[in-house]
Amino acid sequence: MDYYNSLLSTLSKEELEDSISKKIKEFHDYISRDAAIKIIAKEKGIYKEETIYSKIKEIKSGSNSINLKAKIHSIEKIQTYPSGKKSRAAVLEDDSGKIQLVLWEEDLSLLDTLRINDEIEVLGVYEKFGRVNFGYKGKIKVINKKGFSSLDSLEENKTCNVKGSAIKNENHLLISDGVKEVEFLFQEGTDRSRTIELGDEIILENVLFSKGLLIIGSNSRIFVKKSRNILSGKISSASLEGDDSLKVQIGEKEILLDKENSLRFLRIDPTTNLSLSTLLELKKGSFLGKRAFVRFKNKEAYTIIEKIVLE
């Protein structure tokens, strides 16, 4: 590319020549005229260095400034050393092989927002002991984020990421996204079900959907967010309270719902023109006697429903 002529579109010839002279003097005459032109072009946004990417199998021992495009195969636990330093590794994979990417100290948090199977760009890392290390020049950029799948769109024998609330059916654990519930199982040696309680918000990453079940393996990750405002029990009664509120008995607790949350409880489109009393008569046969799991918060005398699942 002719950077000199490109710069003439933004500078006069006199201005450009003056800038070249000043840039050479700035580097104490140790750079050539062509190098000075490239530096000015870079400063003006005209010259952009082309990023060269390596395949994993091409990485040589002791090499620096390595750039990679790869997929995250797995993310390992944080390691703490006797010195107090901490590191964390992610295994990267491309079509040529796999390699560990190691991050240290304050850079550990960069892995918190990444998911297994995310496609990423890693810039400026260096090789040491068969691994690539993230130093002060390192950068990570997500090229293609692996999203979450809805539970009613899972494909047989495919891995996926899903999120929802934990519910229990007898001795089985299920995840619900408000539309569908799917049972999930832990492979031998990976069981962490004792940390999961009813109503917890959970994220399952890189799990296999097979024969109607989500299988959590050694390369899967699970995140659990504890939810305290959970109400569960059989719905024994529901009655109108005034014109725009419902009083509902769930287990041993009675809750009061305003009109918006009454419609949410009844699973009715909020734009409906029917009265709440009519809707209650039409719908109560579909939920009375059923077991409900409700995540809620309180606002004055009313209960605000954040999520409800009926069994």
Protein backbone atom coordinates (compact mmCIF):
# COMPACT_ATOMS: atom_id res chain seq x y z
CA MET A 1 0.00 0.00 0.00
CA ASP A 2 1.27 3.50 -0.86
CA TYR A 3 1.00 5.13 2.59
CA TYR A 4 2.60 8.37 1.43
CA ASN A 5 -0.13 9.09 -1.14
CA SER A 6 -2.80 7.91 1.30
CA LEU A 7 -1.57 10.45 3.84
CA LEU A 8 -1.78 13.19 1.21
CA SER A 9 -5.56 12.80 1.38
CA THR A 10 -5.46 14.19 4.93
CA LEU A 11 -2.31 16.36 4.87
CA SER A 12 -0.76 18.77 2.39
CA LYS A 13 2.60 17.75 0.93
CA GLU A 14 4.36 20.39 3.03
CA GLU A 15 2.64 19.23 6.22
CA LEU A 16 3.48 15.60 5.47
CA GLU A 17 7.13 16.28 4.76
CA ASP A 18 7.37 18.32 7.94
CA SER A 19 5.75 15.46 9.92
CA ILE A 20 8.19 12.95 8.44
CA SER A 21 11.19 15.08 9.39
CA LYS A 22 9.89 15.57 12.94
CA LYS A 23 9.18 11.84 13.35
CA ILE A 24 12.72 10.89 12.25
CA LYS A 25 14.19 13.43 14.70
CA GLU A 26 11.88 12.10 17.44
CA PHE A 27 13.66 8.75 17.05
CA HIS A 28 17.08 10.45 16.94
CA ASP A 29 17.59 9.59 13.25
CA TYR A 30 17.49 5.85 14.00
CA ILE A 31 14.50 5.15 11.75
CA SER A 32 14.22 5.36 7.98
CA ARG A 33 11.93 7.65 6.02
CA ASP A 34 9.68 4.67 5.14
CA ALA A 35 9.43 3.69 8.81
CA ALA A 36 8.49 7.26 9.75
CA ILE A 37 5.75 7.26 7.08
CA LYS A 38 4.36 3.98 8.46
CA ILE A 39 4.32 5.36 12.01
CA ILE A 40 2.44 8.47 10.89
CA ALA A 41 0.03 6.34 8.85
CA LYS A 42 -0.60 4.17 11.91
CA GLU A 43 -1.26 7.25 14.05
CA LYS A 44 -3.75 8.47 11.44
CA GLY A 45 -5.49 5.09 11.33
CA ILE A 46 -4.42 4.43 7.74
CA TYR A 47 -1.85 1.74 8.46
CA LYS A 48 -3.05 -1.25 10.43
CA GLU A 49 -0.74 -4.13 11.14
CA GLU A 50 -2.10 -7.47 9.96
CA THR A 51 -2.54 -9.96 12.79
CA ILE A 52 -0.90 -13.29 12.03
CA TYR A 53 -2.44 -16.29 13.78
CA SER A 54 -0.70 -19.56 14.61
CA LYS A 55 -2.17 -23.04 14.68
CA ILE A 56 -1.73 -24.73 18.05
CA LYS A 57 0.48 -27.48 16.63
CA GLU A 58 2.75 -24.82 15.07
CA ILE A 59 3.65 -23.17 18.41
CA LYS A 60 7.38 -23.47 19.06
CA SER A 61 9.05 -23.79 22.45
CA GLY A 62 9.94 -20.41 23.93
CA SER A 63 8.12 -18.35 21.30
CA ASN A 64 6.58 -14.97 22.16
CA SER A 65 3.81 -12.72 20.81
CA ILE A 66 1.66 -15.71 19.82
CA ASN A 67 -1.81 -15.04 18.41
CA LEU A 68 -4.45 -17.78 18.34
CA LYS A 69 -8.02 -18.32 17.25
CA ALA A 70 -9.45 -21.25 19.16
CA LYS A 71 -12.44 -22.72 20.96
CA ILE A 72 -12.56 -23.18 24.74
CA HIS A 73 -12.51 -26.93 25.38
CA SER A 74 -12.55 -26.72 29.19
CA ILE A 75 -11.89 -24.33 32.08
CA GLU A 76 -10.02 -25.67 35.09
CA LYS A 77 -10.20 -24.76 38.77
CA ILE A 78 -8.05 -22.03 40.33
CA GLN A 79 -4.69 -23.30 41.60
CA THR A 80 -3.12 -21.73 44.70
CA TYR A 81 0.62 -22.13 45.32
CA PRO A 82 2.61 -22.06 48.60
CA SER A 83 3.80 -18.56 47.69
CA GLY A 84 0.18 -17.38 47.65
CA LYS A 85 0.13 -16.82 43.88
CA LYS A 86 -2.83 -18.11 41.94
CA SER A 87 -3.28 -19.38 38.41
CA ARG A 88 -6.09 -20.76 36.30
CA ALA A 89 -5.97 -22.60 33.00
CA ALA A 90 -8.35 -22.96 30.08
CA VAL A 91 -7.76 -25.66 27.50
CA LEU A 92 -7.93 -24.22 23.99
CA GLU A 93 -8.65 -26.27 20.89
CA ASP A 94 -8.42 -25.68 17.15
CA ASP A 95 -8.40 -28.07 14.21
CA SER A 96 -4.72 -28.88 14.83
CA GLY A 97 -4.74 -29.74 18.54
CA LYS A 98 -5.14 -28.57 22.15
CA ILE A 99 -3.07 -26.46 24.53
CA GLN A 100 -3.44 -24.93 27.99
CA LEU A 101 -3.75 -21.17 28.31
CA VAL A 102 -2.58 -20.12 31.78
CA LEU A 103 -3.64 -16.87 33.45
CA TRP A 104 -2.20 -15.45 36.66
CA GLU A 105 -3.36 -13.30 39.56
CA GLU A 106 -5.49 -10.30 38.49
CA ASP A 107 -6.11 -11.83 35.05
CA LEU A 108 -8.01 -14.83 36.48
CA SER A 109 -11.31 -12.94 36.30
CA LEU A 110 -11.06 -12.84 32.49
CA LEU A 111 -12.23 -16.48 32.47
CA ASP A 112 -15.32 -15.79 34.59
CA THR A 113 -17.44 -14.58 31.67
CA LEU A 114 -16.23 -17.22 29.20
CA ARG A 115 -18.07 -20.46 28.49
CA ILE A 116 -16.99 -23.80 27.16
CA ASN A 117 -17.24 -23.82 23.35
CA ASP A 118 -16.87 -20.02 23.12
CA GLU A 119 -14.73 -19.12 20.12
CA ILE A 120 -12.04 -16.65 21.17
CA GLU A 121 -9.07 -14.69 19.87
CA VAL A 122 -5.98 -14.70 22.11
CA LEU A 123 -3.28 -12.14 21.37
CA GLY A 124 0.26 -11.63 22.66
CA VAL A 125 0.76 -14.81 24.71
CA TYR A 126 4.05 -16.68 25.17
CA GLU A 127 4.97 -20.37 25.30
CA LYS A 128 6.61 -21.97 28.34
CA PHE A 129 6.74 -25.64 29.38
CA GLY A 130 4.28 -26.72 26.70
CA ARG A 131 1.65 -24.15 27.66
CA VAL A 132 0.85 -20.63 26.51
CA ASN A 133 0.87 -17.99 29.23
CA PHE A 134 -1.08 -14.76 29.46
CA GLY A 135 1.30 -11.89 30.25
CA TYR A 136 0.96 -8.11 30.44
CA LYS A 137 0.67 -7.88 26.64
CA GLY A 138 -2.06 -10.50 26.48
CA LYS A 139 -5.58 -9.86 25.22
CA ILE A 140 -8.68 -12.04 24.94
CA LYS A 141 -11.57 -11.26 22.63
CA VAL A 142 -14.72 -13.33 22.16
CA ILE A 143 -15.43 -13.99 18.48
CA ASN A 144 -18.49 -16.18 18.86
CA LYS A 145 -20.27 -16.54 22.20
CA LYS A 146 -21.88 -19.89 22.92
CA GLY A 147 -25.42 -18.99 23.94
CA PHE A 148 -28.04 -20.74 26.06
CA SER A 149 -30.52 -23.20 24.57
CA SER A 150 -34.18 -23.27 25.56
CA LEU A 151 -35.15 -26.62 27.04
CA ASP A 152 -37.74 -27.24 24.33
CA SER A 153 -35.13 -26.90 21.55
CA LEU A 154 -32.47 -29.38 22.72
CA GLU A 155 -31.06 -31.72 20.09
CA GLU A 156 -30.36 -35.40 20.74
CA ASN A 157 -26.70 -36.26 21.44
CA LYS A 158 -25.62 -32.60 21.23
CA THR A 159 -23.86 -30.58 23.94
CA CYS A 160 -25.47 -27.36 25.11
CA ASN A 161 -25.57 -24.61 27.73
CA VAL A 162 -28.83 -24.19 29.65
CA LYS A 163 -30.06 -22.08 32.55
CA GLY A 164 -33.13 -22.14 34.77
CA SER A 165 -34.38 -22.99 38.24
CA ALA A 166 -33.85 -26.24 40.11
CA ILE A 167 -36.96 -28.23 40.95
CA LYS A 168 -37.37 -31.69 42.41
CA ASN A 169 -39.69 -34.52 41.44
CA GLU A 170 -39.49 -37.22 44.10
CA ASN A 171 -35.74 -38.01 44.19
CA HIS A 172 -34.93 -36.51 40.79
CA LEU A 173 -33.42 -33.11 40.04
CA LEU A 174 -34.86 -31.12 37.16
CA ILE A 175 -34.09 -27.77 35.60
CA SER A 176 -36.97 -25.54 34.52
CA ASP A 177 -36.85 -22.50 32.25
CA GLY A 178 -40.52 -21.70 32.83
CA VAL A 179 -41.60 -23.50 29.65
CA LYS A 180 -40.26 -27.03 30.09
CA GLU A 181 -38.59 -29.15 32.76
CA VAL A 182 -35.75 -31.58 32.02
CA GLU A 183 -34.09 -34.00 34.43
CA PHE A 184 -30.32 -33.75 34.80
CA LEU A 185 -27.89 -36.41 36.00
CA PHE A 186 -24.28 -36.38 37.16
CA GLN A 187 -21.84 -38.90 35.75
CA GLU A 188 -19.97 -40.97 38.31
CA GLY A 189 -17.33 -38.91 40.08
CA THR A 190 -18.91 -35.56 39.19
CA ASP A 191 -21.92 -35.50 41.53
CA ARG A 192 -22.47 -32.04 43.02
CA SER A 193 -26.20 -32.41 43.56
CA ARG A 194 -25.91 -31.90 47.33
CA THR A 195 -25.10 -28.23 46.73
CA ILE A 196 -28.33 -27.69 44.77
CA GLU A 197 -31.57 -26.83 46.56
CA LEU A 198 -35.10 -26.27 45.39
CA GLY A 199 -35.46 -22.92 43.62
CA ASP A 200 -31.76 -22.31 43.10
CA GLU A 201 -30.89 -20.58 39.84
CA ILE A 202 -28.51 -22.86 37.95
CA ILE A 203 -26.40 -22.71 34.81
CA LEU A 204 -25.25 -25.96 33.20
CA GLU A 205 -22.45 -25.59 30.64
CA ASN A 206 -21.31 -28.14 28.09
CA VAL A 207 -23.83 -30.81 29.10
CA LEU A 208 -24.95 -33.63 26.83
CA PHE A 209 -28.63 -34.03 25.98
CA SER A 210 -29.36 -37.73 25.53
CA LYS A 211 -32.59 -39.74 25.74
CA GLY A 212 -34.45 -36.85 27.35
CA LEU A 213 -31.81 -36.25 30.02
CA LEU A 214 -29.07 -33.66 30.52
CA ILE A 215 -25.83 -35.48 31.39
CA ILE A 216 -23.25 -33.54 33.44
CA GLY A 217 -19.77 -34.93 32.77
CA SER A 218 -16.22 -34.20 33.86
CA ASN A 219 -15.88 -31.47 31.22
CA SER A 220 -19.14 -29.74 32.21
CA ARG A 221 -19.48 -26.75 34.51
CA ILE A 222 -22.30 -25.93 36.90
CA PHE A 223 -23.01 -22.58 38.55
CA VAL A 224 -25.47 -22.27 41.41
CA LYS A 225 -27.02 -19.04 42.69
CA LYS A 226 -28.87 -19.56 45.93
CA SER A 227 -32.42 -18.24 46.01
CA ARG A 228 -33.94 -17.57 49.43
CA ASN A 229 -37.38 -16.28 48.45
CA ILE A 230 -38.83 -19.60 47.37
CA LEU A 231 -42.29 -20.79 48.20
CA SER A 232 -43.35 -24.36 47.51
CA GLY A 233 -46.40 -26.40 48.34
CA LYS A 234 -49.82 -27.51 47.17
CA ILE A 235 -52.23 -24.80 45.97
CA SER A 236 -55.23 -25.38 48.19
CA SER A 237 -57.31 -22.27 47.48
CA ALA A 238 -57.55 -19.11 45.38
CA SER A 239 -60.13 -16.39 45.88
CA LEU A 240 -60.88 -12.88 44.67
CA GLU A 241 -59.85 -10.07 47.00
CA GLY A 242 -61.66 -6.94 45.85
CA ASP A 243 -61.85 -6.46 42.07
CA ASP A 244 -58.16 -6.58 41.15
CA SER A 245 -56.39 -8.93 43.58
CA LEU A 246 -56.14 -12.63 44.32
CA LYS A 247 -55.53 -14.36 47.62
CA VAL A 248 -53.78 -17.71 47.10
CA GLN A 249 -52.93 -20.40 49.63
CA ILE A 250 -49.71 -22.29 48.77
CA GLY A 251 -48.76 -24.86 51.37
CA GLU A 252 -48.92 -23.11 54.73
CA LYS A 253 -48.46 -19.60 53.32
CA GLU A 254 -51.15 -17.23 52.04
CA ILE A 255 -50.06 -14.65 49.49
CA LEU A 256 -51.80 -11.59 48.07
CA LEU A 257 -51.32 -10.79 44.37
CA ASP A 258 -52.13 -7.53 42.61
CA LYS A 259 -53.76 -7.68 39.17
CA GLU A 260 -50.50 -7.89 37.19
CA ASN A 261 -49.19 -10.77 39.31
CA SER A 262 -52.59 -12.43 39.44
CA LEU A 263 -52.54 -12.64 35.65
CA ARG A 264 -48.98 -13.98 35.79
CA PHE A 265 -50.08 -16.60 38.31
CA LEU A 266 -53.02 -17.57 36.07
CA ARG A 267 -50.75 -17.51 33.00
CA ILE A 268 -52.99 -15.05 31.20
CA ASP A 269 -51.98 -12.43 28.64
CA PRO A 270 -51.91 -9.09 30.53
CA THR A 271 -53.74 -7.39 27.63
CA THR A 272 -56.90 -9.46 28.23
CA ASN A 273 -60.20 -7.62 28.65
CA LEU A 274 -61.81 -10.31 30.81
CA SER A 275 -62.39 -9.61 34.49
CA LEU A 276 -60.22 -11.28 37.13
CA SER A 277 -63.25 -13.06 38.61
CA THR A 278 -64.10 -14.59 35.21
CA LEU A 279 -60.51 -15.64 34.61
CA LEU A 280 -60.28 -17.25 38.05
CA GLU A 281 -63.40 -19.33 37.39
CA LEU A 282 -62.03 -20.41 34.01
CA LYS A 283 -58.53 -21.31 35.24
CA LYS A 284 -58.74 -22.53 38.82
CA GLY A 285 -59.43 -26.12 37.81
CA SER A 286 -56.05 -26.20 36.09
CA PHE A 287 -54.00 -25.40 39.21
CA LEU A 288 -55.97 -26.23 42.39
CA GLY A 289 -54.42 -29.25 44.09
CA LYS A 290 -51.19 -28.96 42.12
CA ARG A 291 -47.80 -28.37 43.66
CA ALA A 292 -46.26 -24.95 42.94
CA PHE A 293 -42.71 -23.62 43.12
CA VAL A 294 -42.68 -19.83 43.27
CA ARG A 295 -39.71 -17.47 43.35
CA PHE A 296 -40.96 -14.17 44.72
CA LYS A 297 -40.23 -10.89 46.42
CA ASN A 298 -42.44 -8.78 48.63
CA LYS A 299 -43.64 -5.25 47.90
CA GLU A 300 -45.70 -3.76 50.73
CA ALA A 301 -48.68 -6.09 51.26
CA TYR A 302 -48.32 -7.82 47.90
CA THR A 303 -46.23 -10.69 46.60
CA ILE A 304 -44.38 -10.14 43.30
CA ILE A 305 -43.98 -13.35 41.31
CA GLU A 306 -40.61 -13.64 39.55
CA LYS A 307 -41.10 -17.23 38.37
CA ILE A 308 -43.67 -19.95 38.91
CA VAL A 309 -43.55 -23.65 38.04
CA LEU A 310 -46.49 -26.02 38.49
CA GLU A 311 -46.03 -29.76 38.91
